[in-house]
């Protein structure tokens, strides 16, 4: 039996920071037919607020180290400012949206990341995704807008990478839908040359990804995006595309392919 399609768009980087880019993304998001979910980041806004409050931001391989002060900041920014800004933009386009975090509806359970080489603080590694309530919302033509916060079931909120949440949601929903996962940020895709905006890779395999990473071409925040994209491909997701607001609904960008 042919499964219904679900499109999950994860948006981050400058796209959720700059009104013009966000408007373009939401205009194009509206054109997507069928079921859809939007997952967002907001790290740059969190970093700016941290600077204003005198809280140091520390990153390791594109992942934020989250002490208690930083946890308060990301909770305010992700679950509040950015989430409601995106929801308001969708409502303005006559799309009935509901802002959520992984805490709400027990959507995403996680555990505090154990300390190994790096102590990431209050960062969550996802243990379980509960899709039941989101499937009900989709059946009622409600668009879930998910912020990158999770919880441990014991009252602790955890900061969790938005790329990871999008990937895990996509994997869970692939049991019920044909899932397309789009990672949308300010670049047109993955660049073969970070200094050349036109060097977009049309396709990228895991083997090629490792080579680019070892040479330093792929680094920082792109690493978790690609790791989670390939993970999704290997666990039931039909398609993963990395692109920008202008091109994501046209299917242009960097398409991840299995090795």
Protein backbone atom coordinates (compact mmCIF):
# COMPACT_ATOMS: atom_id res chain seq x y z
CA UNK A 1 0.00 0.00 0.00
CA UNK A 2 1.32 3.46 -0.92
CA UNK A 3 2.17 5.42 2.20
CA UNK A 4 1.30 9.07 2.68
CA UNK A 5 4.20 11.47 2.37
CA UNK A 6 5.59 13.46 5.28
CA UNK A 7 8.10 16.26 4.77
CA UNK A 8 10.25 17.26 7.73
CA UNK A 9 12.13 20.52 7.30
CA UNK A 10 14.84 21.41 9.77
CA UNK A 11 15.78 25.09 9.59
CA UNK A 12 18.73 26.70 11.27
CA UNK A 13 21.66 29.05 10.84
CA UNK A 14 20.93 32.54 9.61
CA UNK A 15 17.56 31.44 8.24
CA UNK A 16 15.86 31.71 11.63
CA UNK A 17 17.80 34.89 12.48
CA UNK A 18 17.18 37.08 9.43
CA UNK A 19 13.55 38.06 8.70
CA UNK A 20 14.00 38.05 4.91
CA UNK A 21 15.42 34.51 4.85
CA UNK A 22 12.80 33.25 7.31
CA UNK A 23 10.00 34.78 5.23
CA UNK A 24 11.36 33.09 2.12
CA UNK A 25 11.58 29.76 3.93
CA UNK A 26 8.03 30.00 5.28
CA UNK A 27 6.65 31.07 1.89
CA UNK A 28 8.21 27.99 0.31
CA UNK A 29 7.24 25.77 3.24
CA UNK A 30 3.62 26.72 2.56
CA UNK A 31 3.87 25.27 -0.96
CA UNK A 32 4.70 21.77 0.34
CA UNK A 33 1.71 19.50 -0.11
CA UNK A 34 0.72 16.84 2.36
CA UNK A 35 1.88 16.31 5.92
CA UNK A 36 4.73 18.46 7.18
CA UNK A 37 6.69 19.21 10.34
CA UNK A 38 9.15 22.04 10.93
CA UNK A 39 12.09 21.62 13.33
CA UNK A 40 14.22 24.66 14.11
CA UNK A 41 17.46 25.62 15.76
CA UNK A 42 18.43 29.08 16.95
CA UNK A 43 22.00 28.76 18.11
CA UNK A 44 23.16 32.13 16.83
CA UNK A 45 20.39 33.93 18.72
CA UNK A 46 21.30 31.98 21.87
CA UNK A 47 24.95 32.95 21.43
CA UNK A 48 24.04 36.64 21.05
CA UNK A 49 21.89 36.59 24.19
CA UNK A 50 24.65 34.80 26.10
CA UNK A 51 27.09 37.54 25.09
CA UNK A 52 24.67 40.22 26.29
CA UNK A 53 24.36 38.41 29.63
CA UNK A 54 28.10 37.84 29.95
CA UNK A 55 27.86 34.04 29.62
CA UNK A 56 30.67 32.36 27.69
CA UNK A 57 29.70 30.17 24.72
CA UNK A 58 31.81 27.05 24.20
CA UNK A 59 31.49 24.74 21.20
CA UNK A 60 33.10 21.40 20.32
CA UNK A 61 32.69 20.10 16.73
CA UNK A 62 29.63 22.28 16.20
CA UNK A 63 27.97 21.16 19.45
CA UNK A 64 27.25 23.57 22.30
CA UNK A 65 28.53 22.87 25.80
CA UNK A 66 25.55 23.58 28.05
CA UNK A 67 26.07 24.54 31.70
CA UNK A 68 23.09 25.59 33.82
CA UNK A 69 23.29 29.26 32.78
CA UNK A 70 23.45 28.27 29.12
CA UNK A 71 20.54 25.86 29.60
CA UNK A 72 18.39 28.74 30.86
CA UNK A 73 19.35 30.83 27.82
CA UNK A 74 18.66 28.15 25.21
CA UNK A 75 15.34 27.28 26.87
CA UNK A 76 14.24 30.91 26.59
CA UNK A 77 15.50 31.35 23.04
CA UNK A 78 14.60 27.99 21.48
CA UNK A 79 11.34 27.26 23.29
CA UNK A 80 10.25 30.90 23.41
CA UNK A 81 11.50 33.56 21.02
CA UNK A 82 12.44 31.48 17.97
CA UNK A 83 9.63 28.96 18.29
CA UNK A 84 6.90 31.56 18.58
CA UNK A 85 8.41 33.69 15.83
CA UNK A 86 8.19 30.72 13.45
CA UNK A 87 4.67 29.80 14.59
CA UNK A 88 3.50 33.40 14.14
CA UNK A 89 4.96 33.43 10.63
CA UNK A 90 3.08 30.27 9.72
CA UNK A 91 -0.17 31.59 11.17
CA UNK A 92 0.26 34.72 9.04
CA UNK A 93 0.28 32.37 6.02
CA UNK A 94 -2.94 30.67 7.13
CA UNK A 95 -1.10 27.55 8.25
CA UNK A 96 -2.37 26.31 11.58
CA UNK A 97 0.80 25.63 13.56
CA UNK A 98 1.54 24.54 17.12
CA UNK A 99 4.85 25.29 18.81
CA UNK A 100 6.35 22.44 20.83
CA UNK A 101 9.57 21.24 22.39
CA UNK A 102 10.55 17.64 23.04
CA UNK A 103 9.33 18.20 26.59
CA UNK A 104 5.74 18.80 25.48
CA UNK A 105 3.54 15.72 25.04
CA UNK A 106 6.54 13.65 26.16
CA UNK A 107 7.64 13.97 22.56
CA UNK A 108 11.37 13.30 22.99
CA UNK A 109 12.94 11.59 25.99
CA UNK A 110 16.68 11.86 26.43
CA UNK A 111 19.42 11.18 28.93
CA UNK A 112 22.13 13.57 30.01
CA UNK A 113 25.19 12.84 27.92
CA UNK A 114 27.80 10.94 29.94
CA UNK A 115 31.21 12.53 30.31
CA UNK A 116 33.83 10.94 28.09
CA UNK A 117 36.42 13.08 26.29
CA UNK A 118 34.28 16.21 26.73
CA UNK A 119 31.78 17.25 29.39
CA UNK A 120 28.90 18.69 27.37
CA UNK A 121 26.90 19.56 30.47
CA UNK A 122 23.11 19.50 30.17
CA UNK A 123 23.00 18.06 26.67
CA UNK A 124 20.60 15.25 25.92
CA UNK A 125 21.15 12.09 23.91
CA UNK A 126 17.81 10.91 22.58
CA UNK A 127 16.46 7.64 23.94
CA UNK A 128 12.84 7.61 22.73
CA UNK A 129 10.58 9.50 20.33
CA UNK A 130 6.81 9.43 20.85
CA UNK A 131 5.05 10.14 17.56
CA UNK A 132 1.49 9.29 18.59
CA UNK A 133 0.32 12.80 19.48
CA UNK A 134 2.10 14.34 16.51
CA UNK A 135 0.36 11.89 14.19
CA UNK A 136 -2.94 12.99 15.66
CA UNK A 137 -2.04 16.66 15.12
CA UNK A 138 -1.10 15.93 11.51
CA UNK A 139 -4.43 14.18 10.99
CA UNK A 140 -6.11 17.40 12.14
CA UNK A 141 -4.06 19.48 9.66
CA UNK A 142 -1.97 21.03 12.43
CA UNK A 143 1.70 21.71 11.65
CA UNK A 144 4.01 20.88 14.58
CA UNK A 145 6.91 23.32 15.03
CA UNK A 146 9.51 21.61 17.22
CA UNK A 147 12.24 23.39 19.20
CA UNK A 148 15.44 21.52 20.16
CA UNK A 149 14.79 20.85 23.83
CA UNK A 150 14.18 17.41 25.37
CA UNK A 151 13.71 16.02 28.88
CA UNK A 152 14.83 13.07 30.97
CA UNK A 153 11.45 12.15 32.52
CA UNK A 154 12.63 13.35 35.94
CA UNK A 155 12.08 17.06 35.50
CA UNK A 156 15.35 17.98 33.79
CA UNK A 157 15.25 19.90 30.52
CA UNK A 158 18.11 19.06 28.16
CA UNK A 159 19.58 20.89 25.19
CA UNK A 160 19.56 18.57 22.18
CA UNK A 161 20.94 19.20 18.72
CA UNK A 162 18.13 20.19 16.30
CA UNK A 163 19.67 18.18 13.46
CA UNK A 164 19.52 15.11 15.68
CA UNK A 165 15.89 15.73 16.65
CA UNK A 166 14.91 16.13 12.99
CA UNK A 167 16.68 12.90 12.09
CA UNK A 168 15.15 10.90 14.92
CA UNK A 169 11.66 12.23 14.17
CA UNK A 170 12.16 11.31 10.52
CA UNK A 171 13.25 7.79 11.44
CA UNK A 172 10.30 7.29 13.80
CA UNK A 173 7.78 8.61 11.29
CA UNK A 174 9.18 6.42 8.52
CA UNK A 175 7.19 3.62 10.18
CA UNK A 176 4.01 5.43 9.12
CA UNK A 177 4.90 7.69 6.17
CA UNK A 178 7.23 8.04 3.24
CA UNK A 179 9.52 10.62 4.83
CA UNK A 180 11.52 13.35 3.11
CA UNK A 181 14.03 15.14 5.36
CA UNK A 182 15.31 18.59 4.38
CA UNK A 183 18.10 20.40 6.21
CA UNK A 184 17.74 24.07 5.33
CA UNK A 185 20.29 26.79 6.14
CA UNK A 186 21.84 29.81 4.44
CA UNK A 187 24.09 27.90 2.00
CA UNK A 188 22.87 26.29 -1.24
CA UNK A 189 24.19 22.92 -0.07
CA UNK A 190 27.44 21.26 0.97
CA UNK A 191 30.36 23.09 -0.65
CA UNK A 192 33.40 21.34 -2.12
CA UNK A 193 35.28 24.59 -1.52
CA UNK A 194 34.12 26.56 1.55
CA UNK A 195 35.31 29.78 -0.13
CA UNK A 196 33.31 29.20 -3.32
CA UNK A 197 29.54 29.53 -2.93
CA UNK A 198 29.05 27.93 -6.36
CA UNK A 199 30.91 24.69 -5.52
CA UNK A 200 27.75 22.90 -4.38
CA UNK A 201 27.97 19.12 -4.39
CA UNK A 202 24.91 17.70 -6.14
CA UNK A 203 25.31 14.39 -4.31
CA UNK A 204 27.39 13.29 -1.36
CA UNK A 205 28.11 9.74 -0.19
CA UNK A 206 29.38 8.73 3.25
CA UNK A 207 32.77 7.80 1.81
CA UNK A 208 33.12 11.21 0.19
CA UNK A 209 31.90 12.87 3.38
CA UNK A 210 34.65 11.22 5.44
CA UNK A 211 37.27 12.31 2.90
CA UNK A 212 36.06 15.92 2.98
CA UNK A 213 35.95 15.87 6.77
CA UNK A 214 39.49 14.54 7.06
CA UNK A 215 40.73 17.28 4.74
CA UNK A 216 38.93 19.97 6.75
CA UNK A 217 36.52 20.94 3.97
CA UNK A 218 33.57 19.77 6.07
CA UNK A 219 33.74 20.93 9.68
CA UNK A 220 31.92 22.55 12.59
CA UNK A 221 28.10 22.58 12.44
CA UNK A 222 27.98 20.68 9.15
CA UNK A 223 29.32 17.53 10.86
CA UNK A 224 26.23 16.73 12.98
CA UNK A 225 23.98 17.66 10.05
CA UNK A 226 25.62 15.09 7.79
CA UNK A 227 25.98 12.45 10.49
CA UNK A 228 22.27 12.66 11.25
CA UNK A 229 21.33 12.80 7.58
CA UNK A 230 23.15 9.58 6.77
CA UNK A 231 21.74 7.95 9.89
CA UNK A 232 18.24 8.78 8.69
CA UNK A 233 18.93 7.31 5.25
CA UNK A 234 20.02 4.04 6.80
CA UNK A 235 16.91 3.83 8.97
CA UNK A 236 13.97 4.13 6.64
CA UNK A 237 13.96 7.77 5.49
CA UNK A 238 13.43 8.02 1.74
CA UNK A 239 15.37 11.18 0.94
CA UNK A 240 17.71 13.65 2.65
CA UNK A 241 18.52 17.00 1.04
CA UNK A 242 20.71 19.84 2.36
CA UNK A 243 19.84 23.19 0.82
CA UNK A 244 18.71 26.79 1.35
CA UNK A 245 15.31 28.55 1.55
CA UNK A 246 15.31 29.44 -2.13
CA UNK A 247 15.90 25.93 -3.43
CA UNK A 248 14.59 23.37 -0.95
CA UNK A 249 11.11 23.08 -2.44
CA UNK A 250 12.65 22.75 -5.92
CA UNK A 251 14.70 19.73 -4.85
CA UNK A 252 18.00 21.52 -5.46
CA UNK A 253 20.98 21.25 -3.12
CA UNK A 254 23.12 18.38 -1.88
CA UNK A 255 21.35 15.03 -1.89
CA UNK A 256 22.81 12.43 0.45
CA UNK A 257 23.26 8.97 -1.04
CA UNK A 258 24.04 5.64 0.55
CA UNK A 259 27.57 4.38 -0.05
